[in-house]
Protein backbone atom coordinates (compact mmCIF):
# COMPACT_ATOMS: atom_id res chain seq x y z
CA MET A 1 5.50 2.71 13.27
CA GLU A 2 8.03 3.81 10.63
CA LYS A 3 6.40 5.46 7.66
CA TYR A 4 6.80 4.22 4.08
CA LYS A 5 8.92 6.52 1.89
CA CYS A 6 7.38 7.98 -1.26
CA LEU A 7 8.89 9.84 -4.23
CA ILE A 8 6.85 11.95 -6.67
CA VAL A 9 8.15 12.18 -10.24
CA GLU A 10 6.04 14.73 -12.09
CA ASP A 11 7.10 17.60 -14.37
CA GLU A 12 3.90 19.63 -14.00
CA VAL A 13 3.98 21.82 -10.87
CA LEU A 14 0.20 21.89 -10.40
CA ALA A 15 -0.07 18.09 -10.68
CA GLN A 16 2.91 17.73 -8.33
CA ASN A 17 1.26 19.99 -5.73
CA LEU A 18 -2.00 18.05 -6.00
CA LEU A 19 -0.22 14.77 -5.28
CA LYS A 20 1.60 16.37 -2.32
CA ASN A 21 -1.75 17.50 -0.92
CA TYR A 22 -3.24 14.03 -1.32
CA LEU A 23 -0.22 12.36 0.31
CA SER A 24 -0.47 14.70 3.32
CA LYS A 25 -3.76 13.00 4.15
CA ILE A 26 -2.24 9.50 4.30
CA GLN A 27 -0.92 8.69 7.76
CA ASP A 28 1.53 5.92 6.94
CA ILE A 29 3.40 7.59 4.08
CA GLU A 30 6.27 10.10 4.19
CA LEU A 31 7.04 12.17 1.10
CA VAL A 32 10.85 12.16 0.86
CA GLY A 33 11.31 13.96 -2.45
CA THR A 34 9.96 15.36 -5.69
CA CYS A 35 11.56 15.22 -9.14
CA GLN A 36 10.60 16.86 -12.41
CA THR A 37 12.54 14.53 -14.71
CA ALA A 38 13.26 10.83 -14.94
CA MET A 39 17.00 11.50 -14.76
CA GLU A 40 16.59 13.32 -11.45
CA ALA A 41 14.51 10.43 -10.16
CA LEU A 42 17.08 7.84 -11.27
CA SER A 43 19.80 9.66 -9.32
CA PHE A 44 17.54 10.08 -6.27
CA ILE A 45 16.59 6.38 -6.15
CA LYS A 46 20.24 5.30 -6.41
CA ASN A 47 21.10 7.34 -3.32
CA GLU A 48 18.01 6.79 -1.19
CA PRO A 49 15.80 3.68 -1.18
CA ILE A 50 12.08 4.37 -1.45
CA ASP A 51 8.98 2.23 -1.04
CA ILE A 52 6.46 4.00 -3.28
CA LEU A 53 6.91 5.77 -6.61
CA LEU A 54 4.24 8.12 -7.99
CA LEU A 55 5.37 8.38 -11.59
CA ASP A 56 4.22 10.54 -14.47
CA ILE A 57 4.71 8.95 -17.89
CA GLN A 58 5.09 11.93 -20.24
CA MET A 59 8.28 13.79 -19.22
CA PRO A 60 11.29 15.43 -20.91
CA ASP A 61 14.21 13.25 -21.98
CA LEU A 62 13.06 9.89 -20.54
CA THR A 63 9.46 8.76 -20.09
CA GLY A 64 8.23 7.17 -16.88
CA ILE A 65 8.07 3.81 -18.68
CA GLU A 66 11.73 4.14 -19.71
CA LEU A 67 12.65 5.04 -16.14
CA LEU A 68 11.01 1.90 -14.79
CA ARG A 69 12.93 -0.22 -17.31
CA ALA A 70 16.18 1.40 -16.14
CA ILE A 71 15.64 0.56 -12.46
CA GLN A 72 16.79 -2.95 -11.57
CA ARG A 73 14.39 -3.36 -8.66
CA PRO A 74 11.76 -0.63 -8.93
CA PRO A 75 9.67 0.30 -5.89
CA LEU A 76 5.91 -0.23 -5.90
CA THR A 77 4.76 2.13 -8.60
CA ILE A 78 1.58 4.04 -9.44
CA LEU A 79 1.65 5.46 -12.96
CA ILE A 80 -0.03 8.81 -13.60
CA THR A 81 -0.79 10.20 -17.07
CA ALA A 82 -3.34 11.91 -19.23
CA TYR A 83 -3.08 9.20 -21.87
CA SER A 84 -4.87 5.87 -21.36
CA GLU A 85 -2.99 4.13 -24.22
CA PHE A 86 0.03 3.60 -21.95
CA ALA A 87 -1.92 1.46 -19.49
CA LEU A 88 -1.09 -1.96 -20.98
CA GLU A 89 2.63 -1.24 -21.19
CA GLY A 90 2.60 -0.05 -17.60
CA TYR A 91 0.95 -3.21 -16.31
CA GLU A 92 3.50 -5.32 -18.17
CA LEU A 93 6.05 -3.70 -15.87
CA ASN A 94 4.05 -4.82 -12.79
CA VAL A 95 2.91 -1.38 -11.69
CA VAL A 96 0.36 -1.46 -8.88
CA ASP A 97 -2.14 0.93 -10.44
CA TYR A 98 -2.67 3.41 -13.28
CA LEU A 99 -4.27 6.81 -12.68
CA LEU A 100 -5.62 9.12 -15.35
CA LYS A 101 -5.34 12.88 -14.98
CA PRO A 102 -7.01 14.82 -13.52
CA VAL A 103 -6.57 12.54 -10.53
CA LYS A 104 -9.44 12.51 -8.02
CA PHE A 105 -8.73 11.80 -4.35
CA ASP A 106 -11.07 8.81 -4.07
CA ARG A 107 -9.33 7.08 -7.00
CA PHE A 108 -5.90 8.05 -5.61
CA PHE A 109 -6.88 6.64 -2.22
CA MET A 110 -7.85 3.30 -3.76
CA ALA A 111 -4.46 3.03 -5.49
CA ILE A 112 -2.56 3.93 -2.31
CA ALA A 113 -4.59 1.40 -0.31
CA LYS A 114 -3.41 -1.32 -2.71
CA VAL A 115 0.21 -0.25 -2.24
CA LEU A 116 -0.05 -0.14 1.54
CA GLU A 117 -1.60 -3.58 1.67
CA LEU A 118 1.28 -5.01 -0.40
CA LEU A 119 3.90 -3.22 1.73
CA ASN A 120 2.32 -4.36 4.99
CA GLN A 121 2.22 -7.95 3.74
CA LYS A 122 5.93 -7.73 2.93
CA SER A 123 6.63 -6.26 6.36
CA ASP A 124 4.71 -9.06 8.09
CA LYS A 125 6.64 -11.72 6.18
CA LYS A 126 9.99 -10.15 7.15
CA ALA A 127 8.98 -10.02 10.81
CA THR A 128 7.86 -13.67 11.00
CA PRO A 129 9.18 -15.53 7.96
CA ILE A 130 8.40 -19.01 9.33
CA GLN A 131 5.80 -18.75 12.05
CA ASN A 132 3.35 -16.44 10.30
CA THR A 133 1.17 -18.67 8.15
CA ASP A 134 -1.92 -16.47 8.31
CA SER A 135 -1.63 -13.78 5.63
CA ALA A 136 -4.95 -12.14 6.44
CA PRO A 137 -4.38 -8.55 7.67
CA ASP A 138 -5.53 -7.55 11.17
CA TYR A 139 -6.68 -4.09 10.08
CA ILE A 140 -8.47 -2.16 7.34
CA PHE A 141 -7.92 1.30 5.86
CA VAL A 142 -10.94 3.58 5.71
CA LYS A 143 -11.43 7.08 4.33
CA SER A 144 -12.64 9.76 6.73
CA ASP A 145 -12.40 13.56 6.41
CA TYR A 146 -10.27 13.14 3.28
CA LYS A 147 -7.72 11.06 5.18
CA ALA A 148 -6.81 7.38 4.99
CA ILE A 149 -7.02 5.93 8.51
CA LYS A 150 -5.72 2.55 9.60
CA VAL A 151 -8.19 0.77 11.88
CA LYS A 152 -6.96 -2.27 13.76
CA PHE A 153 -9.59 -4.92 14.39
CA GLU A 154 -8.55 -5.25 18.04
CA GLU A 155 -9.25 -1.54 18.60
CA ILE A 156 -12.86 -1.75 17.41
CA LEU A 157 -15.56 -2.02 20.08
CA TYR A 158 -18.52 -1.98 17.74
CA ILE A 159 -19.69 -0.54 14.42
CA GLU A 160 -22.98 1.27 13.90
CA GLY A 161 -24.68 1.61 10.53
CA MET A 162 -26.10 5.03 9.67
CA GLN A 163 -27.78 4.82 6.23
CA LYS A 164 -24.89 5.18 3.73
CA TYR A 165 -22.29 5.62 6.46
CA VAL A 166 -20.89 3.57 9.33
CA LYS A 167 -19.43 4.72 12.63
CA PHE A 168 -16.49 2.80 14.09
CA LYS A 169 -16.53 3.08 17.88
CA CYS A 170 -12.92 2.29 18.85
CA LYS A 171 -11.08 2.29 22.16
CA ASN A 172 -9.55 5.72 21.61
CA ALA A 173 -11.37 7.13 18.59
CA GLN A 174 -14.61 7.43 16.70
CA ILE A 175 -14.44 7.23 12.90
CA VAL A 176 -17.23 7.85 10.37
CA THR A 177 -16.81 6.64 6.80
CA LEU A 178 -18.88 6.02 3.68
CA LEU A 179 -19.34 2.24 3.81
CA SER A 180 -22.01 -0.40 4.38
CA LEU A 181 -22.35 -2.90 7.22
CA SER A 182 -22.97 -5.64 4.66
CA LYS A 183 -19.57 -5.03 3.06
CA LEU A 184 -17.87 -4.91 6.46
CA GLU A 185 -19.44 -8.28 7.40
CA LYS A 186 -17.47 -9.85 4.54
CA ILE A 187 -14.21 -8.16 5.53
CA LEU A 188 -14.16 -8.51 9.33
CA PRO A 189 -12.94 -11.85 10.75
CA GLU A 190 -15.94 -14.00 11.71
CA LYS A 191 -14.07 -15.36 14.72
CA HIS A 192 -14.22 -11.97 16.45
CA PHE A 193 -17.12 -10.05 14.93
CA LEU A 194 -20.85 -10.67 14.68
CA ARG A 195 -23.73 -8.63 13.31
CA ILE A 196 -25.97 -8.55 16.36
CA GLN A 197 -28.68 -6.31 14.97
CA LYS A 198 -29.62 -4.65 11.69
CA SER A 199 -27.57 -1.57 12.49
CA PHE A 200 -24.75 -2.98 14.66
CA ILE A 201 -21.69 -5.24 14.40
CA ALA A 202 -19.99 -6.05 17.71
CA ASN A 203 -16.46 -7.19 18.55
CA LEU A 204 -17.10 -10.27 20.67
CA ASP A 205 -13.82 -9.76 22.54
CA GLN A 206 -15.02 -6.37 23.82
CA ILE A 207 -18.31 -7.53 25.37
CA VAL A 208 -18.46 -7.56 29.17
CA GLY A 209 -22.11 -8.44 29.74
CA ILE A 210 -25.68 -8.86 28.50
CA GLU A 211 -28.60 -6.94 29.99
CA GLY A 212 -31.93 -8.00 28.54
CA ASN A 213 -31.69 -7.30 24.83
CA GLN A 214 -28.59 -5.13 25.12
CA LEU A 215 -24.87 -5.81 25.08
CA VAL A 216 -22.62 -4.05 27.57
CA MET A 217 -19.25 -3.17 26.04
CA VAL A 218 -15.96 -2.57 27.86
CA ASN A 219 -16.44 1.21 27.63
CA LYS A 220 -19.92 0.78 29.27
CA ASP A 221 -21.79 1.60 26.06
CA LYS A 222 -24.94 -0.47 25.60
CA ILE A 223 -26.02 -1.60 22.12
CA PRO A 224 -29.15 -3.55 21.08
CA ILE A 225 -29.25 -7.25 20.21
CA SER A 226 -31.76 -8.72 17.82
CA LYS A 227 -33.92 -11.39 19.50
CA SER A 228 -33.24 -13.73 16.59
CA ILE A 229 -29.47 -13.56 17.13
CA LYS A 230 -29.36 -13.51 20.95
CA THR A 231 -29.30 -17.31 21.44
CA HIS A 232 -26.53 -17.72 18.85
CA LEU A 233 -24.55 -14.91 20.46
CA ILE A 234 -24.78 -16.48 23.93
CA GLN A 235 -23.58 -19.79 22.53
CA ARG A 236 -20.54 -18.10 21.04
CA LEU A 237 -19.74 -16.16 24.20
CA ASP A 238 -20.46 -18.94 26.72
CA LYS A 239 -17.60 -21.33 25.98
CA ASN A 240 -18.19 -23.29 29.19
CA ARG A 241 -21.94 -23.68 28.59
CA LEU A 242 -22.83 -22.11 31.95
CA LEU A 243 -25.68 -19.88 30.77
């Protein structure tokens, strides 16, 4: 998959380095340049199209707000500043998010997740402008080890709850993130996923058998089924009503 191109416009070197470090943890984004003034950024954007703009507001010569007004079709923009009073003006220019310095990674990650969702929606529409009527994404982004990781629903075998964390058991990876099973139940498509026990959500497409009160997954892992959900699960799996 081609990465989305990002430009940092920030006149403070320490803040610029912090953003570079944060971006290095995001898989789907490529940092293509850094600028210390709005004029540098304006020239850069004219010569090379970008998808994401991380933009400081307070800069020499032109402010970030003035830069956005000068760009005819600005990229998806996250404003960054130490002054909250600029927030309203920024949102009037349709920026995606507004971050206050000092920027923490968890807040930065939330803003980037919004941008990636918008970009992926645009990409899907370009790929199938007529046929694609279902706008619901087939993936989620989760934070693990200070990285943003894209998890496709079709790659998930099952999810195990572990107090405040959940473990995604995928076909080729295992991912642990700070999240709850209850929240995931609301996000995952009901057609393919079912909470089969207090601590487990299973991908119904990855089940190969049932042994007593356990599910057998395609990777041969066995996970428990609640007795109260077993009948409902069999009804969903047994389309031909043979069981």
